[in-house]
Amino acid sequence: MPRLGQPVRLEKLALKGTAVWLCHIAELLMPTMLVLSKQDSHEGQSFLKSIVFELRDDYDHCIPGHLYDEFGKELIAQISCLIVRIKKALDIRTSMTNFLCQMNVANSMAEVLLSRKLQAMQIDELPKTMRHIFYSKMSDLKGLRYLSLGSMSGGWKTEDMAPTILNGLSTMKNLTGLTLNYDCTDIILRAMIKNCPNLEYLDISNSKYVTNDSVEILAKLKKLKVVILMRTDVTLSGMIELLVKAKNLTDIGRYDQLGRCLEFIEQNYPEINHLKLQKFETRFATTRHIQLLAELCPDMRHVSIFHNMLLMDLMTLIAINNLAELYLLSCDFFADQVRDVLQVKGCNLTHLHLEHVEQMDMNALVYISQYCPDLKTLSLYNCVMIPSTSVFLRQYAIPPFMNLERLAFICECPFQHLEFILMTALKLKFLQVGTLAYTSDEMFERIFLRNPLQYLEDVRIIHSDEMTIETAYRFVENCPNLLLLNELECWKKVKDYELMQLRQMIKERNYAVHTAPLRKYAQE
């Protein structure tokens, strides 16, 4: 029986109710503010500021700290809905003064969130009309542990934004993660050393003012583990200096010259025999680079490489002892010895991503299932899936895909390939099928006979020419843990009225299954 919809938790209802009440207060204030603004705009702003300050103080005292982040999400959602209602009411007869006054009152309610209890804030995800409030009053967010400022000016007005950022960082002693794209400078980095001693994650990609001179500053952030410098002006020599001086770095994001950095360190710094890097993501790698990776980075867990058969032998991957996540792009499953790599390292792998990999037949899938018994995530993107060129193995030493939980199958292929995985992945929780993969009612009928998909929670079959509404009903009725059944509008044989009937049935029986588009589901 499908999972039934459960009552919303009382604390969630309370948080939503307080956010709705706050927006109601804003609507009641709008006529008063309009009158005051016409008489004296400064007096009107002072009155609104005093009201918001009192509300902010009340909320700060009444909402527990561990619920403040959740309250923030609810309040932002409700204010966004209020702004939409104000915009919808705007027509040719509406006074622009009235409209601007309403928008000002609605956005001002977001100041209630300026509390030391707030621990995470993603300003780049807020409505644009609301962002200036948080930019100008970031210094009030003294308890933040993660802050995402996004692109801010997009690099066009970096000097103008610097005082705002510096003022905000001056009070953030607890900050451990910061995202600041485009507008980071050396002055801001120096402020981080002084004011954010606990910083562990830093994303300053696309910042043109971050250069080799910035590396010396970054190295002084002693707890820094992850730094993303993609599309900055840090050159090869600067990156080498960073790897040598920043002793605790585990991830520098994607950097295509990382292998050359390791070569230089190996040749010129004989005293360095250990780096803490755990992630290697590059589009240029040679056999020697992989060998150095195994020697200098014994903690390496994640490897993502674009394979060039003229430069690299994939068999060198077997020297990486702790390899758990492998991403391979542009190679041949058999000719480039991917099978042999999996035979040796597959027992450690939990994530496998194959993109533009050729010679993928049924034998290849069987080998993956047998060599990678602990595999939890399998992604196949635009691989060349071909019919088996020989009789594939039918005797399995272990049950195929017995621990697989997430499958992304974005390939054009014979139906047997996808059917084999779905019949055997008994613990599957997430399924995404691309537009070119063949699916049909008959195929899923056979799958359900072998595998009830009892753990399946999220299904996203992007497109199907053959599936009807009957398969959707089978998913709802057969999968007791199903929460999301998405993209039904893209099944060609599903009529609009059939989809409406399905949704009505789900609602009447109180099933906890959502069939709405992802954007609407996220809003709910």
Protein backbone atom coordinates (compact mmCIF):
# COMPACT_ATOMS: atom_id res chain seq x y z
CA MET A 1 0.00 0.00 0.00
CA PRO A 2 1.40 3.47 -0.83
CA ARG A 3 2.60 5.70 1.96
CA LEU A 4 -0.20 7.90 3.25
CA GLY A 5 0.12 11.65 3.57
CA GLN A 6 0.92 12.57 7.15
CA PRO A 7 -0.24 15.64 9.07
CA VAL A 8 2.19 18.51 8.97
CA ARG A 9 4.29 18.79 12.14
CA LEU A 10 2.92 21.30 14.63
CA GLU A 11 6.19 23.21 14.75
CA LYS A 12 6.13 23.58 10.95
CA LEU A 13 2.52 24.79 11.09
CA ALA A 14 3.50 27.24 13.80
CA LEU A 15 6.44 28.59 11.80
CA LYS A 16 4.32 28.96 8.69
CA GLY A 17 1.54 30.57 10.68
CA THR A 18 3.90 33.16 12.17
CA ALA A 19 5.26 33.95 8.69
CA VAL A 20 1.74 34.33 7.31
CA TRP A 21 0.78 36.54 10.26
CA LEU A 22 3.81 38.75 9.63
CA CYS A 23 2.78 39.23 6.00
CA HIS A 24 -0.74 40.02 7.19
CA ILE A 25 0.70 42.72 9.45
CA ALA A 26 2.55 44.10 6.42
CA GLU A 27 -0.70 44.31 4.43
CA LEU A 28 -2.41 46.13 7.31
CA LEU A 29 0.48 48.59 7.49
CA MET A 30 0.41 49.48 3.81
CA PRO A 31 -2.48 52.04 3.90
CA THR A 32 -0.98 53.77 6.96
CA MET A 33 2.45 53.91 5.36
CA LEU A 34 0.96 55.39 2.18
CA VAL A 35 -0.62 58.24 4.18
CA LEU A 36 2.57 58.89 6.18
CA SER A 37 4.80 58.81 3.11
CA LYS A 38 2.67 61.47 1.43
CA GLN A 39 2.88 63.71 4.51
CA ASP A 40 6.54 63.17 5.39
CA SER A 41 8.60 60.36 3.84
CA HIS A 42 11.23 60.46 6.63
CA GLU A 43 8.59 60.15 9.32
CA GLY A 44 7.02 57.25 7.45
CA GLN A 45 10.33 55.40 7.21
CA SER A 46 11.04 55.98 10.91
CA PHE A 47 7.62 54.60 11.82
CA LEU A 48 8.11 51.49 9.65
CA LYS A 49 11.61 50.98 11.05
CA SER A 50 10.32 51.08 14.63
CA ILE A 51 7.56 48.54 13.87
CA VAL A 52 10.00 46.15 12.15
CA PHE A 53 12.49 46.50 15.02
CA GLU A 54 9.83 45.53 17.58
CA LEU A 55 8.73 42.56 15.48
CA ARG A 56 12.33 41.49 15.02
CA ASP A 57 12.92 41.61 18.78
CA ASP A 58 9.76 39.58 19.47
CA TYR A 59 10.65 36.88 16.93
CA ASP A 60 14.23 36.72 18.16
CA HIS A 61 13.00 35.93 21.68
CA CYS A 62 10.15 33.59 20.78
CA ILE A 63 11.58 31.30 18.07
CA PRO A 64 14.11 28.66 19.24
CA GLY A 65 17.53 28.88 17.65
CA HIS A 66 17.40 25.42 16.09
CA LEU A 67 14.21 26.40 14.19
CA TYR A 68 15.32 29.82 13.01
CA ASP A 69 16.71 28.65 9.66
CA GLU A 70 13.47 26.83 8.89
CA PHE A 71 11.51 29.92 9.90
CA GLY A 72 13.67 31.95 7.53
CA LYS A 73 12.70 29.75 4.60
CA GLU A 74 9.01 30.03 5.47
CA LEU A 75 9.16 33.80 5.83
CA ILE A 76 11.02 34.32 2.55
CA ALA A 77 8.46 32.10 0.78
CA GLN A 78 5.51 34.03 2.24
CA ILE A 79 7.03 37.44 1.45
CA SER A 80 7.69 36.25 -2.10
CA CYS A 81 4.01 35.29 -2.42
CA LEU A 82 3.01 38.70 -1.04
CA ILE A 83 5.21 40.44 -3.61
CA VAL A 84 3.61 38.37 -6.39
CA ARG A 85 0.14 39.40 -5.19
CA ILE A 86 1.16 43.06 -5.17
CA LYS A 87 2.51 42.81 -8.71
CA LYS A 88 -0.61 41.05 -9.96
CA ALA A 89 -2.76 43.84 -8.57
CA LEU A 90 -0.74 46.42 -10.51
CA ASP A 91 -2.60 47.81 -13.53
CA ILE A 92 -2.75 51.02 -15.55
CA ARG A 93 -4.91 52.74 -12.91
CA THR A 94 -2.60 51.94 -9.97
CA SER A 95 -0.58 54.81 -8.56
CA MET A 96 3.16 54.13 -8.79
CA THR A 97 3.59 55.75 -5.37
CA ASN A 98 1.12 53.26 -3.91
CA PHE A 99 2.88 50.34 -5.59
CA LEU A 100 6.35 51.36 -4.38
CA CYS A 101 5.05 51.88 -0.85
CA GLN A 102 3.53 48.38 -0.78
CA MET A 103 6.76 46.82 -2.10
CA ASN A 104 8.79 48.72 0.51
CA VAL A 105 6.63 47.46 3.38
CA ALA A 106 6.67 43.85 2.08
CA ASN A 107 10.45 43.79 1.66
CA SER A 108 11.04 45.43 5.04
CA MET A 109 9.44 42.44 6.77
CA ALA A 110 12.50 40.39 5.76
CA GLU A 111 14.52 42.39 8.31
CA VAL A 112 12.94 40.20 11.00
CA LEU A 113 15.48 37.54 9.98
CA LEU A 114 18.44 39.75 10.96
CA SER A 115 19.20 37.71 14.07
CA ARG A 116 22.26 36.06 15.55
CA LYS A 117 20.21 32.84 15.62
CA LEU A 118 20.27 32.50 11.82
CA GLN A 119 23.02 30.06 10.80
CA ALA A 120 22.69 29.78 7.00
CA MET A 121 21.80 32.44 4.46
CA GLN A 122 21.82 32.20 0.66
CA ILE A 123 21.27 35.77 -0.41
CA ASP A 124 21.65 34.87 -4.09
CA GLU A 125 18.43 32.81 -3.86
CA LEU A 126 16.31 35.66 -2.48
CA PRO A 127 14.03 37.79 -4.67
CA LYS A 128 16.12 40.59 -6.18
CA THR A 129 13.98 43.28 -4.56
CA MET A 130 14.88 41.89 -1.14
CA ARG A 131 18.64 41.38 -1.45
CA HIS A 132 19.69 44.94 -0.70
CA ILE A 133 18.29 44.58 2.83
CA PHE A 134 20.67 41.74 3.66
CA TYR A 135 23.59 43.28 1.80
CA SER A 136 23.31 46.48 3.82
CA LYS A 137 22.75 44.78 7.19
CA MET A 138 24.92 41.68 7.02
CA SER A 139 26.72 42.76 10.19
CA ASP A 140 23.59 41.83 12.18
CA LEU A 141 23.96 38.18 11.16
CA LYS A 142 26.55 37.40 13.81
CA GLY A 143 25.69 33.72 14.17
CA LEU A 144 26.05 32.72 10.51
CA ARG A 145 27.97 29.55 9.74
CA TYR A 146 27.36 29.54 5.97
CA LEU A 147 26.84 32.57 3.73
CA SER A 148 26.29 32.60 -0.03
CA LEU A 149 26.54 36.04 -1.58
CA GLY A 150 26.44 34.72 -5.12
CA SER A 151 27.69 36.99 -7.89
CA MET A 152 26.61 40.31 -6.28
CA SER A 153 27.63 42.84 -8.98
CA GLY A 154 28.82 40.17 -11.42
CA GLY A 155 32.31 41.69 -11.30
CA TRP A 156 31.18 45.03 -12.74
CA LYS A 157 31.20 47.05 -9.50
CA THR A 158 33.57 45.14 -7.26
CA GLU A 159 35.03 48.25 -5.63
CA ASP A 160 31.55 49.52 -4.77
CA MET A 161 30.56 46.22 -3.15
CA ALA A 162 33.77 45.78 -1.11
CA PRO A 163 32.74 48.04 1.84
CA THR A 164 29.45 46.16 2.16
CA ILE A 165 31.21 42.80 2.29
CA LEU A 166 33.88 43.99 4.70
CA ASN A 167 31.29 45.43 7.06
CA GLY A 168 29.37 42.15 7.06
CA LEU A 169 32.39 39.89 7.59
CA SER A 170 33.59 42.00 10.52
CA THR A 171 31.06 40.34 12.86
CA MET A 172 30.97 36.78 11.47
CA LYS A 173 33.33 35.01 13.86
CA ASN A 174 31.52 31.66 13.48
CA LEU A 175 31.54 31.54 9.67
CA THR A 176 32.77 28.21 8.27
CA GLY A 177 31.57 28.48 4.64
CA LEU A 178 31.45 31.42 2.21
CA THR A 179 30.49 31.71 -1.47
CA LEU A 180 31.51 34.99 -3.10
CA ASN A 181 31.73 34.81 -6.88
CA TYR A 182 33.05 37.60 -9.12
CA ASP A 183 33.62 40.24 -6.41
CA CYS A 184 36.35 38.86 -4.12
CA THR A 185 39.53 40.93 -3.64
CA ASP A 186 42.72 40.69 -1.58
CA ILE A 187 41.32 43.21 0.91
CA ILE A 188 38.34 40.95 1.52
CA LEU A 189 40.59 37.90 1.89
CA ARG A 190 42.68 39.72 4.52
CA ALA A 191 39.49 40.54 6.39
CA MET A 192 38.64 36.83 6.42
CA ILE A 193 41.93 36.04 8.14
CA LYS A 194 41.14 38.51 10.89
CA ASN A 195 37.40 37.98 11.29
CA CYS A 196 36.66 34.41 10.12
CA PRO A 197 39.30 32.15 11.73
CA ASN A 198 37.10 29.05 11.42
CA LEU A 199 36.58 29.27 7.64
CA GLU A 200 36.73 25.80 6.01
CA TYR A 201 34.93 26.29 2.67
CA LEU A 202 35.57 29.19 0.28
CA ASP A 203 34.19 29.58 -3.26
CA ILE A 204 35.62 32.70 -4.95
CA SER A 205 35.40 31.50 -8.54
CA ASN A 206 35.22 34.03 -11.40
CA SER A 207 36.83 36.76 -9.28
CA LYS A 208 39.22 38.59 -11.61
CA TYR A 209 40.99 40.36 -8.73
CA VAL A 210 42.10 37.05 -7.20
CA THR A 211 45.64 36.50 -8.48
CA ASN A 212 48.86 34.79 -7.44
CA ASP A 213 49.32 37.52 -4.83
CA SER A 214 46.14 36.22 -3.17
CA VAL A 215 47.66 32.79 -2.55
CA GLU A 216 49.83 34.05 0.31
CA ILE A 217 46.68 35.34 2.01
CA LEU A 218 44.70 32.13 1.42
CA ALA A 219 47.52 30.08 2.95
CA LYS A 220 47.02 31.94 6.24
CA LEU A 221 43.50 30.55 6.61
CA LYS A 222 44.72 27.61 8.66
CA LYS A 223 41.44 25.67 8.77
CA LEU A 224 40.66 26.05 5.06
CA LYS A 225 39.85 22.68 3.48
CA VAL A 226 38.00 23.56 0.26
CA VAL A 227 38.80 26.52 -1.99
CA ILE A 228 37.28 26.97 -5.46
CA LEU A 229 39.41 29.17 -7.74
CA MET A 230 37.96 28.35 -11.15
CA ARG A 231 38.22 31.20 -13.67
CA THR A 232 40.32 33.42 -11.42
CA ASP A 233 43.71 34.84 -12.38
CA VAL A 234 45.62 32.36 -10.23
CA THR A 235 48.16 30.73 -12.57
CA LEU A 236 49.99 27.42 -12.41
CA SER A 237 52.74 28.82 -10.17
CA GLY A 238 50.15 30.29 -7.81
CA MET A 239 48.29 27.00 -7.54
CA ILE A 240 51.54 25.16 -6.79
CA GLU A 241 52.30 27.64 -4.03
CA LEU A 242 48.81 27.14 -2.60
CA LEU A 243 49.17 23.36 -2.52
CA VAL A 244 52.55 23.63 -0.84
CA LYS A 245 51.58 26.19 1.82
CA ALA A 246 47.93 25.34 2.59
CA LYS A 247 48.50 22.12 4.48
CA ASN A 248 44.85 21.16 5.10
CA LEU A 249 43.39 21.49 1.59
CA THR A 250 41.27 18.53 0.54
CA ASP A 251 39.58 20.01 -2.55
CA ILE A 252 40.43 22.81 -5.00
CA GLY A 253 37.55 22.11 -7.37
CA ARG A 254 38.08 21.51 -11.06
CA TYR A 255 41.57 22.51 -12.22
CA ASP A 256 42.87 21.17 -15.52
CA GLN A 257 46.55 21.73 -14.62
CA LEU A 258 46.45 19.90 -11.30
CA GLY A 259 48.53 17.04 -12.69
CA ARG A 260 51.28 19.45 -13.74
CA CYS A 261 51.21 20.93 -10.24
CA LEU A 262 51.88 17.49 -8.78
CA GLU A 263 54.78 16.98 -11.22
CA PHE A 264 56.39 20.26 -10.17
CA ILE A 265 55.95 19.52 -6.47
CA GLU A 266 57.45 16.06 -6.88
CA GLN A 267 60.50 17.46 -8.70
CA ASN A 268 61.17 20.58 -6.63
CA TYR A 269 59.85 19.82 -3.15
CA PRO A 270 61.36 16.46 -2.16
CA GLU A 271 60.47 17.11 1.49
CA ILE A 272 56.75 16.99 0.62
CA ASN A 273 55.61 13.38 0.42
CA HIS A 274 52.00 13.82 1.48
CA LEU A 275 49.14 16.10 0.42
CA LYS A 276 45.67 15.91 1.97
CA LEU A 277 43.82 16.26 -1.35
CA GLN A 278 40.78 13.98 -1.59
CA LYS A 279 39.35 15.17 -4.92
CA PHE A 280 41.01 15.20 -8.36
CA GLU A 281 38.91 16.75 -11.12
CA THR A 282 40.58 17.62 -14.41
CA ARG A 283 40.18 17.43 -18.18
CA PHE A 284 43.89 16.92 -18.80
CA ALA A 285 45.70 14.02 -17.17
CA THR A 286 48.52 11.69 -18.14
CA THR A 287 49.67 8.34 -16.83
CA ARG A 288 52.38 10.06 -14.81
CA HIS A 289 49.84 12.40 -13.24
CA ILE A 290 47.78 9.48 -11.97
CA GLN A 291 50.90 7.78 -10.62
CA LEU A 292 51.85 10.94 -8.72
CA LEU A 293 48.30 11.21 -7.47
CA ALA A 294 48.58 7.78 -5.90
CA GLU A 295 51.98 8.60 -4.37
CA LEU A 296 51.40 12.12 -3.07
CA CYS A 297 47.70 11.96 -2.19
CA PRO A 298 47.04 8.74 -0.21
CA ASP A 299 43.66 10.08 0.98
CA MET A 300 42.30 10.53 -2.56
CA ARG A 301 38.65 9.40 -2.79
CA HIS A 302 37.17 11.17 -5.83
CA VAL A 303 38.67 11.08 -9.34
CA SER A 304 37.05 12.73 -12.36
CA ILE A 305 39.05 12.63 -15.60
CA PHE A 306 38.62 13.12 -19.31
CA HIS A 307 40.45 10.18 -20.89
CA ASN A 308 42.89 10.63 -23.74
CA MET A 309 44.12 7.25 -24.94
CA LEU A 310 47.36 8.79 -26.25
CA LEU A 311 48.29 10.25 -22.87
CA MET A 312 46.89 8.01 -20.18
CA ASP A 313 46.61 4.36 -19.25
CA LEU A 314 43.54 3.91 -17.06
CA MET A 315 45.11 0.92 -15.35
CA THR A 316 47.20 3.34 -13.27
CA LEU A 317 44.00 4.12 -11.33
CA ILE A 318 44.38 0.85 -9.45
CA ALA A 319 47.23 2.39 -7.44
CA ILE A 320 44.81 4.83 -5.72
CA ASN A 321 44.05 2.89 -2.56
CA ASN A 322 41.01 4.79 -1.23
CA LEU A 323 39.25 5.44 -4.54
CA ALA A 324 35.49 5.50 -3.85
CA GLU A 325 34.02 7.83 -6.50
CA LEU A 326 35.06 7.44 -10.13
CA TYR A 327 33.95 9.71 -13.00
CA LEU A 328 35.19 8.72 -16.46
CA LEU A 329 34.55 10.75 -19.60
CA SER A 330 35.23 9.72 -23.21
CA CYS A 331 36.67 6.24 -23.17
CA ASP A 332 36.04 2.69 -24.36
CA PHE A 333 34.78 0.19 -21.79
CA PHE A 334 36.76 -2.77 -23.07
CA ALA A 335 39.51 -1.31 -25.28
CA ASP A 336 40.58 1.22 -22.63
CA GLN A 337 40.48 -1.39 -19.86
CA VAL A 338 37.69 0.16 -17.83
CA ARG A 339 36.54 -3.37 -17.08
CA ASP A 340 39.98 -4.27 -15.71
CA VAL A 341 40.05 -1.17 -13.52
CA LEU A 342 36.66 -2.07 -12.06
CA GLN A 343 37.78 -5.65 -11.50
CA VAL A 344 40.54 -4.41 -9.20
CA LYS A 345 39.02 -1.26 -7.65
CA GLY A 346 35.30 -1.98 -7.91
CA CYS A 347 35.07 -3.43 -4.41
CA ASN A 348 35.79 0.07 -3.01
CA LEU A 349 33.54 2.08 -5.33
CA THR A 350 30.30 3.62 -4.11
CA HIS A 351 29.79 6.11 -7.01
CA LEU A 352 30.40 5.40 -10.69
CA HIS A 353 29.75 7.95 -13.44
CA LEU A 354 30.37 6.96 -17.08
CA GLU A 355 29.91 9.65 -19.73
CA HIS A 356 30.44 9.18 -23.49
CA VAL A 357 31.77 5.67 -22.86
CA GLU A 358 31.63 3.34 -25.86
CA GLN A 359 31.26 -0.46 -26.20
CA MET A 360 28.69 -0.60 -23.40
CA ASP A 361 26.74 -3.83 -23.90
CA MET A 362 24.97 -6.22 -21.55
CA ASN A 363 28.29 -7.78 -20.60
CA ALA A 364 29.58 -4.38 -19.49
CA LEU A 365 26.58 -3.92 -17.16
CA VAL A 366 27.06 -7.41 -15.75
CA TYR A 367 30.73 -6.71 -15.09
CA ILE A 368 29.84 -3.48 -13.28
CA SER A 369 27.29 -5.32 -11.15
CA GLN A 370 29.75 -8.05 -10.20
CA TYR A 371 32.89 -6.00 -9.70
CA CYS A 372 31.19 -3.17 -7.74
CA PRO A 373 29.07 -4.88 -5.08
CA ASP A 374 28.84 -1.79 -2.83
CA LEU A 375 27.88 0.60 -5.63
CA LYS A 376 25.20 3.04 -4.43
CA THR A 377 25.09 5.53 -7.32
CA LEU A 378 25.37 4.68 -11.03
CA SER A 379 25.16 7.37 -13.74
CA LEU A 380 25.30 6.56 -17.45
CA TYR A 381 25.24 9.69 -19.65
CA ASN A 382 25.29 9.55 -23.44
CA CYS A 383 27.10 6.23 -23.47
CA VAL A 384 27.06 4.14 -26.64
CA MET A 385 24.89 1.20 -25.60
CA ILE A 386 25.07 -1.64 -28.10
CA PRO A 387 23.51 -5.11 -28.33
CA SER A 388 25.74 -7.79 -26.81
CA THR A 389 28.40 -8.96 -29.22
CA SER A 390 28.72 -12.26 -27.36
CA VAL A 391 26.65 -14.34 -24.97
CA PHE A 392 26.62 -12.39 -21.71
CA LEU A 393 27.19 -13.97 -18.34
CA ARG A 394 24.11 -15.45 -16.72
CA GLN A 395 25.71 -17.03 -13.66
CA TYR A 396 26.25 -14.33 -11.04
CA ALA A 397 28.67 -14.77 -8.16
CA ILE A 398 26.74 -12.13 -6.23
CA PRO A 399 23.28 -10.61 -6.78
CA PRO A 400 23.65 -7.81 -9.37
CA PHE A 401 23.32 -4.22 -8.14
CA MET A 402 22.27 -5.44 -4.72
CA ASN A 403 23.15 -2.13 -2.99
CA LEU A 404 22.31 0.34 -5.78
CA GLU A 405 20.19 3.26 -4.50
CA ARG A 406 20.44 5.92 -7.25
CA LEU A 407 20.33 5.36 -11.02
CA ALA A 408 20.59 8.00 -13.75
CA PHE A 409 20.21 6.33 -17.16
CA ILE A 410 20.54 8.98 -19.90
CA CYS A 411 21.36 6.87 -22.96
CA GLU A 412 19.81 5.53 -26.12
CA CYS A 413 19.86 1.76 -25.83
CA PRO A 414 18.01 -1.52 -26.32
CA PHE A 415 15.35 -1.94 -23.63
CA GLN A 416 17.13 -4.98 -22.16
CA HIS A 417 19.90 -2.84 -20.64
CA LEU A 418 17.66 -0.67 -18.49
CA GLU A 419 15.37 -3.59 -17.73
CA PHE A 420 18.29 -5.65 -16.42
CA ILE A 421 19.32 -2.96 -13.95
CA LEU A 422 15.78 -2.27 -12.73
CA MET A 423 14.98 -5.94 -12.28
CA THR A 424 18.01 -6.49 -10.06
CA ALA A 425 18.37 -3.20 -8.11
CA LEU A 426 16.14 -4.19 -5.20
CA LYS A 427 17.15 -1.22 -3.00
CA LEU A 428 16.68 1.49 -5.62
CA LYS A 429 15.45 4.83 -4.20
CA PHE A 430 15.99 7.29 -7.06
CA LEU A 431 15.41 6.70 -10.78
CA GLN A 432 16.01 9.13 -13.64
CA VAL A 433 15.54 7.99 -17.24
CA GLY A 434 16.50 10.19 -20.18
CA THR A 435 14.52 11.06 -23.28
CA LEU A 436 16.21 8.53 -25.56
CA ALA A 437 15.90 5.43 -23.39
CA TYR A 438 13.11 3.10 -24.48
CA THR A 439 10.36 2.52 -21.92
CA SER A 440 6.93 0.90 -22.20
CA ASP A 441 4.09 -0.54 -20.15
CA GLU A 442 5.13 -4.09 -20.99
CA MET A 443 8.68 -3.43 -19.85
CA PHE A 444 7.65 -2.15 -16.42
CA GLU A 445 5.12 -4.98 -16.12
CA ARG A 446 8.01 -7.44 -16.37
CA ILE A 447 10.09 -5.36 -13.94
CA PHE A 448 7.37 -5.28 -11.28
CA LEU A 449 7.03 -9.06 -11.48
CA ARG A 450 10.71 -9.42 -10.51
CA ASN A 451 11.30 -6.30 -8.43
CA PRO A 452 8.46 -4.50 -6.58
CA LEU A 453 10.70 -1.40 -6.17
CA GLN A 454 9.57 -1.19 -2.56
CA TYR A 455 12.22 1.39 -1.59
CA LEU A 456 11.68 3.69 -4.58
CA GLU A 457 11.04 7.31 -3.53
CA ASP A 458 11.69 9.48 -6.59
CA VAL A 459 10.90 8.64 -10.25
CA ARG A 460 11.74 10.97 -13.14
CA ILE A 461 11.12 9.41 -16.52
CA ILE A 462 11.71 12.47 -18.67
CA HIS A 463 9.96 11.25 -21.82
CA SER A 464 8.21 8.18 -23.17
CA ASP A 465 6.47 7.43 -26.44
CA GLU A 466 4.94 4.14 -25.27
CA MET A 467 3.99 4.41 -21.60
CA THR A 468 0.40 5.08 -20.62
CA ILE A 469 -1.29 6.21 -17.43
CA GLU A 470 -1.50 2.55 -16.38
CA THR A 471 2.21 2.50 -15.55
CA ALA A 472 1.79 5.62 -13.44
CA TYR A 473 -0.93 3.84 -11.46
CA ARG A 474 1.37 0.83 -11.05
CA PHE A 475 4.09 3.05 -9.59
CA VAL A 476 1.65 4.62 -7.15
CA GLU A 477 0.11 1.33 -6.05
CA ASN A 478 3.24 -0.87 -6.05
CA CYS A 479 5.86 1.40 -4.49
CA PRO A 480 5.03 1.94 -0.79
CA ASN A 481 7.72 4.60 -0.27
CA LEU A 482 7.07 6.65 -3.42
CA LEU A 483 7.06 10.42 -2.82
CA LEU A 484 7.63 11.96 -6.26
CA LEU A 485 6.44 10.78 -9.68
CA ASN A 486 7.52 13.50 -12.06
CA GLU A 487 7.37 14.44 -15.76
CA LEU A 488 4.09 12.61 -16.49
CA GLU A 489 3.16 15.50 -18.78
CA CYS A 490 5.94 14.34 -21.12
CA TRP A 491 4.55 10.83 -21.58
CA LYS A 492 2.96 11.07 -25.02
CA LYS A 493 0.19 8.56 -24.39
CA VAL A 494 -0.94 10.21 -21.17
CA LYS A 495 -3.92 12.48 -21.72
CA ASP A 496 -4.54 15.59 -19.64
CA TYR A 497 -7.81 14.28 -18.23
CA GLU A 498 -6.12 11.00 -17.24
CA LEU A 499 -3.46 12.92 -15.34
CA MET A 500 -6.15 14.95 -13.59
CA GLN A 501 -7.95 11.75 -12.60
CA LEU A 502 -4.72 10.28 -11.21
CA ARG A 503 -4.06 13.38 -9.14
CA GLN A 504 -7.65 13.38 -7.90
CA MET A 505 -7.36 9.73 -6.86
CA ILE A 506 -4.10 10.45 -5.00
CA LYS A 507 -5.74 13.35 -3.20
CA GLU A 508 -8.89 11.42 -2.25
CA ARG A 509 -6.93 8.46 -0.88
CA ASN A 510 -4.41 10.75 0.87
CA TYR A 511 -1.37 9.17 -0.76
CA ALA A 512 1.93 10.95 -0.07
CA VAL A 513 2.81 11.03 -3.79
CA HIS A 514 3.46 14.30 -5.63
CA THR A 515 3.04 14.40 -9.40
CA ALA A 516 3.48 18.16 -9.83
CA PRO A 517 6.40 19.62 -11.82
CA LEU A 518 9.61 19.93 -9.81
CA ARG A 519 9.44 23.72 -9.46
CA LYS A 520 5.94 23.61 -8.02
CA TYR A 521 6.85 20.65 -5.81
CA ALA A 522 9.82 22.61 -4.40
CA GLN A 523 7.55 25.55 -3.58
CA GLU A 524 5.14 23.28 -1.73
